Amino acid sequence: MEFVSNVYLVDHKKVIQCNIRDITQRKRIEEERRKLTNDLQDALAKIKRLRGLLPICASCKKIRDDKGYWNQLETYIQEHSEAEFSHGFCPECMKNLYGVILEQDTDSKKQ
């Protein structure tokens, strides 16, 4: 409840006006706004974790964390975001890694 009172002079007499208002809905809306603000701040904090420069090894692609430890790229990103990884090979790597095997398989199918 909200209680507001004012004193007025009417014909040189003091008059008190009182207003009483139910503020249940306003308090509910304020609480929802506070919760949404907190949720947004939490979301922004998570987003900020992946901003800026990430120290990454030019050779193995490991990322150095704030404590100085080197982590696999996938591990670091999974721990600092909601991303998940699935693995496969691009055509170039497939050829580089398994080119001979793929050629032998193709040759055996031709015979």
N, C-alpha and C. Protein backbone atom coordinates (compact mmCIF):
# COMPACT_ATOMS: atom_id res chain seq x y z
N MET A 1 0.84 -1.17 0.00
CA MET A 1 0.00 0.00 0.00
C MET A 1 0.89 1.25 0.00
N GLU A 2 0.38 2.26 -0.65
CA GLU A 2 1.05 3.55 -0.66
C GLU A 2 0.11 4.56 -0.02
N PHE A 3 0.65 5.33 0.89
CA PHE A 3 -0.15 6.33 1.59
C PHE A 3 0.47 7.70 1.36
N VAL A 4 -0.34 8.63 0.81
CA VAL A 4 0.14 9.98 0.54
C VAL A 4 -0.85 10.95 1.20
N SER A 5 -0.29 11.92 1.92
CA SER A 5 -1.16 12.92 2.53
C SER A 5 -0.63 14.32 2.24
N ASN A 6 -1.56 15.25 2.12
CA ASN A 6 -1.21 16.65 1.88
C ASN A 6 -2.08 17.52 2.78
N VAL A 7 -1.49 18.63 3.18
CA VAL A 7 -2.23 19.59 4.01
C VAL A 7 -2.48 20.83 3.17
N TYR A 8 -3.73 21.28 3.17
CA TYR A 8 -4.12 22.47 2.42
C TYR A 8 -4.79 23.45 3.36
N LEU A 9 -4.73 24.71 2.97
CA LEU A 9 -5.51 25.73 3.69
C LEU A 9 -6.76 26.02 2.89
N VAL A 10 -7.89 25.85 3.55
CA VAL A 10 -9.18 26.15 2.93
C VAL A 10 -9.92 27.06 3.91
N ASP A 11 -10.21 28.29 3.47
CA ASP A 11 -10.87 29.29 4.35
C ASP A 11 -10.13 29.42 5.67
N HIS A 12 -8.83 29.52 5.60
CA HIS A 12 -7.95 29.69 6.74
C HIS A 12 -8.00 28.52 7.72
N LYS A 13 -8.43 27.37 7.22
CA LYS A 13 -8.44 26.16 8.04
C LYS A 13 -7.57 25.11 7.36
N LYS A 14 -6.86 24.34 8.15
CA LYS A 14 -6.05 23.26 7.61
C LYS A 14 -6.93 22.06 7.29
N VAL A 15 -6.74 21.57 6.07
CA VAL A 15 -7.47 20.38 5.62
C VAL A 15 -6.43 19.34 5.18
N ILE A 16 -6.65 18.13 5.63
CA ILE A 16 -5.73 17.05 5.25
C ILE A 16 -6.41 16.17 4.22
N GLN A 17 -5.71 15.96 3.12
CA GLN A 17 -6.21 15.04 2.09
C GLN A 17 -5.32 13.81 2.13
N CYS A 18 -5.93 12.64 2.20
CA CYS A 18 -5.19 11.38 2.25
C CYS A 18 -5.58 10.50 1.07
N ASN A 19 -4.59 9.90 0.45
CA ASN A 19 -4.82 8.96 -0.64
C ASN A 19 -4.14 7.64 -0.28
N ILE A 20 -4.87 6.58 -0.41
CA ILE A 20 -4.33 5.24 -0.17
C ILE A 20 -4.50 4.47 -1.47
N ARG A 21 -3.36 3.88 -1.91
CA ARG A 21 -3.38 3.22 -3.21
C ARG A 21 -2.75 1.83 -3.07
N ASP A 22 -3.37 0.84 -3.74
CA ASP A 22 -2.82 -0.52 -3.80
C ASP A 22 -1.72 -0.51 -4.86
N ILE A 23 -0.50 -0.83 -4.46
CA ILE A 23 0.62 -0.80 -5.41
C ILE A 23 1.17 -2.21 -5.67
N THR A 24 0.35 -3.22 -5.47
CA THR A 24 0.78 -4.61 -5.68
C THR A 24 1.26 -4.82 -7.11
N GLN A 25 0.49 -4.36 -8.08
CA GLN A 25 0.86 -4.55 -9.48
C GLN A 25 2.16 -3.81 -9.81
N ARG A 26 2.30 -2.58 -9.31
CA ARG A 26 3.52 -1.82 -9.57
C ARG A 26 4.73 -2.53 -8.99
N LYS A 27 4.62 -3.08 -7.78
CA LYS A 27 5.73 -3.80 -7.15
C LYS A 27 6.06 -5.06 -7.94
N ARG A 28 5.04 -5.75 -8.47
CA ARG A 28 5.27 -6.94 -9.27
C ARG A 28 6.04 -6.58 -10.54
N ILE A 29 5.64 -5.50 -11.20
CA ILE A 29 6.31 -5.04 -12.42
C ILE A 29 7.75 -4.62 -12.12
N GLU A 30 7.96 -3.93 -11.01
CA GLU A 30 9.32 -3.52 -10.62
C GLU A 30 10.20 -4.74 -10.37
N GLU A 31 9.66 -5.78 -9.75
CA GLU A 31 10.41 -7.00 -9.49
C GLU A 31 10.75 -7.71 -10.80
N GLU A 32 9.79 -7.76 -11.73
CA GLU A 32 10.05 -8.36 -13.04
C GLU A 32 11.14 -7.59 -13.78
N ARG A 33 11.08 -6.27 -13.72
CA ARG A 33 12.09 -5.44 -14.36
C ARG A 33 13.47 -5.68 -13.74
N ARG A 34 13.52 -5.80 -12.43
CA ARG A 34 14.78 -6.06 -11.75
C ARG A 34 15.35 -7.41 -12.18
N LYS A 35 14.50 -8.43 -12.26
CA LYS A 35 14.94 -9.76 -12.68
C LYS A 35 15.43 -9.74 -14.13
N LEU A 36 14.70 -9.07 -15.01
CA LEU A 36 15.12 -8.98 -16.41
C LEU A 36 16.46 -8.25 -16.54
N THR A 37 16.62 -7.20 -15.76
CA THR A 37 17.88 -6.45 -15.78
C THR A 37 19.04 -7.35 -15.34
N ASN A 38 18.83 -8.11 -14.29
CA ASN A 38 19.87 -9.04 -13.82
C ASN A 38 20.18 -10.10 -14.87
N ASP A 39 19.13 -10.64 -15.50
CA ASP A 39 19.33 -11.65 -16.55
C ASP A 39 20.12 -11.07 -17.71
N LEU A 40 19.80 -9.85 -18.11
CA LEU A 40 20.52 -9.21 -19.20
C LEU A 40 21.98 -8.94 -18.83
N GLN A 41 22.21 -8.52 -17.59
CA GLN A 41 23.58 -8.27 -17.15
C GLN A 41 24.39 -9.57 -17.13
N ASP A 42 23.75 -10.67 -16.71
CA ASP A 42 24.42 -11.97 -16.73
C ASP A 42 24.76 -12.38 -18.16
N ALA A 43 23.80 -12.18 -19.07
CA ALA A 43 24.03 -12.53 -20.47
C ALA A 43 25.16 -11.68 -21.06
N LEU A 44 25.17 -10.39 -20.75
CA LEU A 44 26.23 -9.53 -21.25
C LEU A 44 27.59 -9.94 -20.69
N ALA A 45 27.61 -10.35 -19.44
CA ALA A 45 28.88 -10.79 -18.84
C ALA A 45 29.41 -12.01 -19.58
N LYS A 46 28.53 -12.92 -19.96
CA LYS A 46 28.96 -14.10 -20.70
C LYS A 46 29.47 -13.72 -22.08
N ILE A 47 28.80 -12.81 -22.72
CA ILE A 47 29.21 -12.37 -24.05
C ILE A 47 30.57 -11.68 -23.97
N LYS A 48 30.78 -10.86 -22.98
CA LYS A 48 32.03 -10.13 -22.83
C LYS A 48 33.22 -11.05 -22.62
N ARG A 49 32.98 -12.25 -22.14
CA ARG A 49 34.08 -13.16 -21.88
C ARG A 49 34.81 -13.56 -23.16
N LEU A 50 34.14 -13.47 -24.29
CA LEU A 50 34.77 -13.86 -25.54
C LEU A 50 35.17 -12.66 -26.39
N ARG A 51 35.16 -11.49 -25.81
CA ARG A 51 35.57 -10.29 -26.53
C ARG A 51 37.03 -10.00 -26.27
N GLY A 52 37.60 -9.21 -27.16
CA GLY A 52 38.98 -8.81 -26.97
C GLY A 52 39.94 -9.76 -27.64
N LEU A 53 41.20 -9.62 -27.30
CA LEU A 53 42.24 -10.46 -27.89
C LEU A 53 42.34 -11.78 -27.15
N LEU A 54 42.44 -12.86 -27.90
CA LEU A 54 42.68 -14.17 -27.33
C LEU A 54 44.09 -14.61 -27.73
N PRO A 55 44.97 -14.85 -26.77
CA PRO A 55 46.31 -15.33 -27.13
C PRO A 55 46.21 -16.76 -27.64
N ILE A 56 46.56 -16.97 -28.91
CA ILE A 56 46.44 -18.29 -29.52
C ILE A 56 47.78 -18.69 -30.13
N CYS A 57 48.14 -19.95 -29.96
CA CYS A 57 49.40 -20.45 -30.52
C CYS A 57 49.27 -20.53 -32.04
N ALA A 58 50.24 -19.99 -32.73
CA ALA A 58 50.22 -19.98 -34.20
C ALA A 58 50.38 -21.38 -34.78
N SER A 59 50.90 -22.31 -34.01
CA SER A 59 51.12 -23.66 -34.52
C SER A 59 49.99 -24.61 -34.15
N CYS A 60 49.77 -24.81 -32.84
CA CYS A 60 48.80 -25.83 -32.41
C CYS A 60 47.40 -25.28 -32.18
N LYS A 61 47.25 -23.95 -32.20
CA LYS A 61 45.96 -23.27 -32.03
C LYS A 61 45.38 -23.37 -30.63
N LYS A 62 46.22 -23.69 -29.62
CA LYS A 62 45.74 -23.65 -28.24
C LYS A 62 45.61 -22.20 -27.82
N ILE A 63 44.68 -21.94 -26.87
CA ILE A 63 44.43 -20.60 -26.37
C ILE A 63 44.90 -20.51 -24.93
N ARG A 64 45.62 -19.42 -24.61
CA ARG A 64 46.09 -19.20 -23.23
C ARG A 64 44.98 -18.51 -22.45
N ASP A 65 44.60 -19.08 -21.30
CA ASP A 65 43.56 -18.49 -20.46
C ASP A 65 44.13 -17.43 -19.53
N ASP A 66 43.28 -16.83 -18.71
CA ASP A 66 43.69 -15.76 -17.80
C ASP A 66 44.69 -16.23 -16.75
N LYS A 67 44.73 -17.54 -16.50
CA LYS A 67 45.65 -18.08 -15.50
C LYS A 67 46.97 -18.52 -16.11
N GLY A 68 47.11 -18.34 -17.43
CA GLY A 68 48.36 -18.68 -18.10
C GLY A 68 48.42 -20.10 -18.63
N TYR A 69 47.33 -20.87 -18.48
CA TYR A 69 47.32 -22.24 -18.98
C TYR A 69 46.88 -22.26 -20.44
N TRP A 70 47.43 -23.22 -21.19
CA TRP A 70 47.09 -23.37 -22.60
C TRP A 70 46.02 -24.44 -22.74
N ASN A 71 44.93 -24.09 -23.43
CA ASN A 71 43.78 -24.98 -23.59
C ASN A 71 43.50 -25.23 -25.07
N GLN A 72 42.97 -26.41 -25.35
CA GLN A 72 42.53 -26.68 -26.71
C GLN A 72 41.47 -25.64 -27.09
N LEU A 73 41.47 -25.23 -28.33
CA LEU A 73 40.53 -24.21 -28.81
C LEU A 73 39.09 -24.59 -28.48
N GLU A 74 38.72 -25.83 -28.78
CA GLU A 74 37.34 -26.27 -28.55
C GLU A 74 36.98 -26.21 -27.06
N THR A 75 37.90 -26.64 -26.21
CA THR A 75 37.66 -26.64 -24.77
C THR A 75 37.44 -25.21 -24.26
N TYR A 76 38.31 -24.32 -24.69
CA TYR A 76 38.20 -22.92 -24.25
C TYR A 76 36.86 -22.31 -24.67
N ILE A 77 36.49 -22.49 -25.91
CA ILE A 77 35.24 -21.89 -26.40
C ILE A 77 34.04 -22.52 -25.72
N GLN A 78 34.04 -23.82 -25.50
CA GLN A 78 32.92 -24.47 -24.81
C GLN A 78 32.78 -23.96 -23.39
N GLU A 79 33.90 -23.69 -22.72
CA GLU A 79 33.85 -23.21 -21.33
C GLU A 79 33.44 -21.75 -21.23
N HIS A 80 33.64 -20.98 -22.30
CA HIS A 80 33.36 -19.55 -22.25
C HIS A 80 32.17 -19.13 -23.11
N SER A 81 31.41 -20.09 -23.58
CA SER A 81 30.22 -19.77 -24.36
C SER A 81 29.27 -20.96 -24.28
N GLU A 82 28.21 -20.89 -25.03
CA GLU A 82 27.26 -22.00 -25.07
C GLU A 82 27.45 -22.82 -26.34
N ALA A 83 28.55 -22.60 -27.04
CA ALA A 83 28.82 -23.32 -28.28
C ALA A 83 29.25 -24.75 -27.98
N GLU A 84 28.88 -25.64 -28.88
CA GLU A 84 29.33 -27.03 -28.84
C GLU A 84 29.96 -27.35 -30.18
N PHE A 85 30.82 -28.36 -30.20
CA PHE A 85 31.53 -28.69 -31.42
C PHE A 85 31.19 -30.10 -31.87
N SER A 86 31.18 -30.27 -33.18
CA SER A 86 31.21 -31.60 -33.79
C SER A 86 32.39 -31.56 -34.74
N HIS A 87 33.02 -32.68 -34.94
CA HIS A 87 34.25 -32.69 -35.73
C HIS A 87 34.06 -33.46 -37.04
N GLY A 88 34.79 -33.02 -38.01
CA GLY A 88 34.81 -33.65 -39.33
C GLY A 88 36.07 -33.16 -40.03
N PHE A 89 36.16 -33.40 -41.32
CA PHE A 89 37.31 -32.95 -42.10
C PHE A 89 36.83 -32.13 -43.28
N CYS A 90 37.53 -31.04 -43.54
CA CYS A 90 37.26 -30.29 -44.75
C CYS A 90 37.85 -31.09 -45.91
N PRO A 91 37.43 -30.84 -47.15
CA PRO A 91 37.94 -31.61 -48.29
C PRO A 91 39.47 -31.57 -48.42
N GLU A 92 40.08 -30.44 -48.16
CA GLU A 92 41.54 -30.32 -48.28
C GLU A 92 42.25 -31.21 -47.27
N CYS A 93 41.79 -31.18 -46.01
CA CYS A 93 42.41 -32.03 -44.98
C CYS A 93 42.13 -33.50 -45.24
N MET A 94 40.94 -33.82 -45.72
CA MET A 94 40.62 -35.20 -46.05
C MET A 94 41.60 -35.73 -47.09
N LYS A 95 41.88 -34.91 -48.10
CA LYS A 95 42.82 -35.31 -49.15
C LYS A 95 44.24 -35.44 -48.59
N ASN A 96 44.65 -34.45 -47.77
CA ASN A 96 46.01 -34.49 -47.18
C ASN A 96 46.20 -35.68 -46.25
N LEU A 97 45.19 -35.99 -45.46
CA LEU A 97 45.32 -37.06 -44.47
C LEU A 97 45.06 -38.45 -45.04
N TYR A 98 44.08 -38.55 -45.93
CA TYR A 98 43.63 -39.86 -46.39
C TYR A 98 43.66 -40.00 -47.91
N GLY A 99 44.40 -39.11 -48.57
CA GLY A 99 44.42 -39.11 -50.04
C GLY A 99 44.84 -40.44 -50.63
N VAL A 100 45.89 -41.04 -50.10
CA VAL A 100 46.38 -42.32 -50.63
C VAL A 100 45.32 -43.40 -50.44
N ILE A 101 44.72 -43.43 -49.28
CA ILE A 101 43.70 -44.44 -48.99
C ILE A 101 42.49 -44.23 -49.89
N LEU A 102 42.07 -42.99 -50.07
CA LEU A 102 40.93 -42.69 -50.92
C LEU A 102 41.22 -43.07 -52.37
N GLU A 103 42.45 -42.80 -52.82
CA GLU A 103 42.83 -43.16 -54.19
C GLU A 103 42.84 -44.67 -54.37
N GLN A 104 43.36 -45.40 -53.36
CA GLN A 104 43.38 -46.86 -53.44
C GLN A 104 41.97 -47.41 -53.46
N ASP A 105 41.08 -46.81 -52.63
CA ASP A 105 39.69 -47.26 -52.59
C ASP A 105 39.02 -47.01 -53.94
N THR A 106 39.28 -45.86 -54.55
CA THR A 106 38.70 -45.52 -55.85
C THR A 106 39.23 -46.47 -56.91
N ASP A 107 40.55 -46.78 -56.86
CA ASP A 107 41.15 -47.70 -57.82
C ASP A 107 40.57 -49.10 -57.68
N SER A 108 40.36 -49.56 -56.44
CA SER A 108 39.83 -50.91 -56.24
C SER A 108 38.38 -51.01 -56.71
N LYS A 109 37.63 -49.94 -56.62
CA LYS A 109 36.24 -49.93 -57.10
C LYS A 109 36.18 -49.96 -58.62
N LYS A 110 37.21 -49.42 -59.28
CA LYS A 110 37.25 -49.41 -60.74
C LYS A 110 37.51 -50.81 -61.30
N GLN A 111 38.19 -51.66 -60.54
CA GLN A 111 38.57 -52.99 -61.04
C GLN A 111 37.46 -53.96 -60.92
